[in-house]
């Protein structure tokens, strides 16, 4: 399945629009990861732990989006938008959502 942030796919015609599809992933950050990330903030550098969690959440959201598009009979998703939010008391949850338009291309 072709997925893209652009509204069309070069060299392909959109034959049918199947609707808006979305995928979401919400992951919690545990206390030890939070403490380690806090240390990184103090001494500088990147938090590999949070980067891996963010990547995992994005992959889950994209897989859900593709599955929902396939369920509609689409073979591509155009106009994909990724959003990132922190949720919960103390911002202890990370949400990644992906949305786009499921289409059939030639």
C-alpha atoms as a PDB file:
ATOM      1  CA  UNK A   1       0.000   0.000   0.000  1.00  0.00           C
ATOM      2  CA  UNK A   2       1.307   3.439  -0.921  1.00  0.00           C
ATOM      3  CA  UNK A   3       1.041   6.019   1.848  1.00  0.00           C
ATOM      4  CA  UNK A   4       2.017   9.641   1.397  1.00  0.00           C
ATOM      5  CA  UNK A   5       1.612  13.095   2.898  1.00  0.00           C
ATOM      6  CA  UNK A   6       0.977  14.550  -0.552  1.00  0.00           C
ATOM      7  CA  UNK A   7      -2.566  14.939  -1.934  1.00  0.00           C
ATOM      8  CA  UNK A   8      -1.780  12.818  -4.989  1.00  0.00           C
ATOM      9  CA  UNK A   9       0.738  10.241  -6.183  1.00  0.00           C
ATOM     10  CA  UNK A  10       2.894  11.154  -9.155  1.00  0.00           C
ATOM     11  CA  UNK A  11       2.146   8.981 -12.159  1.00  0.00           C
ATOM     12  CA  UNK A  12      -1.007   7.510 -10.599  1.00  0.00           C
ATOM     13  CA  UNK A  13      -4.668   8.437 -11.011  1.00  0.00           C
ATOM     14  CA  UNK A  14      -7.049   8.386  -8.085  1.00  0.00           C
ATOM     15  CA  UNK A  15      -9.991   6.297  -9.261  1.00  0.00           C
ATOM     16  CA  UNK A  16     -12.076   6.365  -6.090  1.00  0.00           C
ATOM     17  CA  UNK A  17     -12.111   8.049  -2.696  1.00  0.00           C
ATOM     18  CA  UNK A  18     -13.038   5.627   0.079  1.00  0.00           C
ATOM     19  CA  UNK A  19     -13.061   8.055   3.003  1.00  0.00           C
ATOM     20  CA  UNK A  20     -10.981   9.420   5.828  1.00  0.00           C
ATOM     21  CA  UNK A  21      -9.084   6.839   7.862  1.00  0.00           C
ATOM     22  CA  UNK A  22      -7.177   7.217  11.102  1.00  0.00           C
ATOM     23  CA  UNK A  23      -4.942   5.231  13.392  1.00  0.00           C
ATOM     24  CA  UNK A  24      -4.032   6.049  16.964  1.00  0.00           C
ATOM     25  CA  UNK A  25      -1.574   4.822  19.541  1.00  0.00           C
ATOM     26  CA  UNK A  26      -1.459   5.862  23.178  1.00  0.00           C
ATOM     27  CA  UNK A  27       1.524   4.769  25.225  1.00  0.00           C
ATOM     28  CA  UNK A  28       2.313   5.395  28.870  1.00  0.00           C
ATOM     29  CA  UNK A  29       5.722   6.413  30.102  1.00  0.00           C
ATOM     30  CA  UNK A  30       6.849   4.578  33.215  1.00  0.00           C
ATOM     31  CA  UNK A  31       8.554   6.164  36.213  1.00  0.00           C
ATOM     32  CA  UNK A  32      12.051   4.847  35.437  1.00  0.00           C
ATOM     33  CA  UNK A  33      11.950   6.145  31.884  1.00  0.00           C
ATOM     34  CA  UNK A  34      10.785   9.531  33.213  1.00  0.00           C
ATOM     35  CA  UNK A  35      13.639   9.667  35.728  1.00  0.00           C
ATOM     36  CA  UNK A  36      16.210   8.749  33.056  1.00  0.00           C
ATOM     37  CA  UNK A  37      14.798  11.337  30.651  1.00  0.00           C
ATOM     38  CA  UNK A  38      14.977  13.934  33.441  1.00  0.00           C
ATOM     39  CA  UNK A  39      18.674  13.169  33.914  1.00  0.00           C
ATOM     40  CA  UNK A  40      19.222  13.611  30.173  1.00  0.00           C
ATOM     41  CA  UNK A  41      17.525  17.016  30.385  1.00  0.00           C
ATOM     42  CA  UNK A  42      19.902  18.082  33.182  1.00  0.00           C
ATOM     43  CA  UNK A  43      23.141  16.876  31.571  1.00  0.00           C
ATOM     44  CA  UNK A  44      22.066  17.460  27.986  1.00  0.00           C
ATOM     45  CA  UNK A  45      21.750  15.099  25.083  1.00  0.00           C
ATOM     46  CA  UNK A  46      18.922  13.181  23.510  1.00  0.00           C
ATOM     47  CA  UNK A  47      16.596  10.767  25.249  1.00  0.00           C
ATOM     48  CA  UNK A  48      16.885   7.573  23.242  1.00  0.00           C
ATOM     49  CA  UNK A  49      14.223   5.953  25.428  1.00  0.00           C
ATOM     50  CA  UNK A  50      11.589   8.526  24.515  1.00  0.00           C
ATOM     51  CA  UNK A  51      12.673   8.546  20.877  1.00  0.00           C
ATOM     52  CA  UNK A  52      12.144   4.770  20.676  1.00  0.00           C
ATOM     53  CA  UNK A  53       8.716   5.053  22.323  1.00  0.00           C
ATOM     54  CA  UNK A  54       7.740   7.837  19.941  1.00  0.00           C
ATOM     55  CA  UNK A  55       8.851   5.750  16.950  1.00  0.00           C
ATOM     56  CA  UNK A  56       6.919   2.736  18.253  1.00  0.00           C
ATOM     57  CA  UNK A  57       3.745   4.802  18.712  1.00  0.00           C
ATOM     58  CA  UNK A  58       4.072   6.262  15.201  1.00  0.00           C
ATOM     59  CA  UNK A  59       4.512   2.779  13.686  1.00  0.00           C
ATOM     60  CA  UNK A  60       1.419   1.473  15.508  1.00  0.00           C
ATOM     61  CA  UNK A  61      -0.680   4.442  14.353  1.00  0.00           C
ATOM     62  CA  UNK A  62       0.475   4.017  10.741  1.00  0.00           C
ATOM     63  CA  UNK A  63      -0.242   0.265  10.791  1.00  0.00           C
ATOM     64  CA  UNK A  64      -3.770   0.934  12.073  1.00  0.00           C
ATOM     65  CA  UNK A  65      -4.306   3.577   9.377  1.00  0.00           C
ATOM     66  CA  UNK A  66      -3.208   1.162   6.639  1.00  0.00           C
ATOM     67  CA  UNK A  67      -5.402  -1.629   8.004  1.00  0.00           C
ATOM     68  CA  UNK A  68      -8.472   0.620   8.083  1.00  0.00           C
ATOM     69  CA  UNK A  69      -7.763   1.751   4.517  1.00  0.00           C
ATOM     70  CA  UNK A  70      -7.413  -1.864   3.371  1.00  0.00           C
ATOM     71  CA  UNK A  71     -10.708  -2.706   5.091  1.00  0.00           C
ATOM     72  CA  UNK A  72     -12.331  -0.067   2.850  1.00  0.00           C
ATOM     73  CA  UNK A  73     -10.794  -1.637  -0.270  1.00  0.00           C
ATOM     74  CA  UNK A  74      -8.213   1.125  -0.750  1.00  0.00           C
ATOM     75  CA  UNK A  75      -4.719   0.526  -2.092  1.00  0.00           C
ATOM     76  CA  UNK A  76      -3.269   3.897  -1.037  1.00  0.00           C
ATOM     77  CA  UNK A  77      -3.668   6.659   1.526  1.00  0.00           C
ATOM     78  CA  UNK A  78      -2.989  10.274   0.554  1.00  0.00           C
ATOM     79  CA  UNK A  79      -2.740  13.468   2.565  1.00  0.00           C
ATOM     80  CA  UNK A  80      -1.452  11.771   5.699  1.00  0.00           C
ATOM     81  CA  UNK A  81      -1.116  13.997   8.748  1.00  0.00           C
ATOM     82  CA  UNK A  82       0.667  12.962  11.937  1.00  0.00           C
ATOM     83  CA  UNK A  83      -0.204  14.544  15.275  1.00  0.00           C
ATOM     84  CA  UNK A  84       1.537  14.138  18.611  1.00  0.00           C
ATOM     85  CA  UNK A  85      -0.051  14.930  21.987  1.00  0.00           C
ATOM     86  CA  UNK A  86       0.672  14.349  25.653  1.00  0.00           C
ATOM     87  CA  UNK A  87      -2.287  13.272  27.755  1.00  0.00           C
ATOM     88  CA  UNK A  88      -3.259  12.303  31.263  1.00  0.00           C
ATOM     89  CA  UNK A  89      -2.523  13.684  34.678  1.00  0.00           C
ATOM     90  CA  UNK A  90       1.044  14.898  34.711  1.00  0.00           C
ATOM     91  CA  UNK A  91       1.272  14.353  30.956  1.00  0.00           C
ATOM     92  CA  UNK A  92       2.109  10.689  31.531  1.00  0.00           C
ATOM     93  CA  UNK A  93       0.708   9.424  28.236  1.00  0.00           C
ATOM     94  CA  UNK A  94       1.890   9.960  24.675  1.00  0.00           C
ATOM     95  CA  UNK A  95      -0.622   9.851  21.814  1.00  0.00           C
ATOM     96  CA  UNK A  96       0.261   9.667  18.148  1.00  0.00           C
ATOM     97  CA  UNK A  97      -2.524   9.876  15.591  1.00  0.00           C
ATOM     98  CA  UNK A  98      -2.259   9.461  11.844  1.00  0.00           C
ATOM     99  CA  UNK A  99      -5.071  10.390   9.457  1.00  0.00           C
ATOM    100  CA  UNK A 100      -5.462  10.545   5.709  1.00  0.00           C
ATOM    101  CA  UNK A 101      -7.766   9.770   2.816  1.00  0.00           C
ATOM    102  CA  UNK A 102      -8.118   6.158   1.669  1.00  0.00           C
ATOM    103  CA  UNK A 103      -8.142   5.960  -2.122  1.00  0.00           C
ATOM    104  CA  UNK A 104      -8.012   3.480  -4.976  1.00  0.00           C
ATOM    105  CA  UNK A 105      -5.306   4.269  -7.516  1.00  0.00           C
ATOM    106  CA  UNK A 106      -4.524   2.718 -10.908  1.00  0.00           C
END
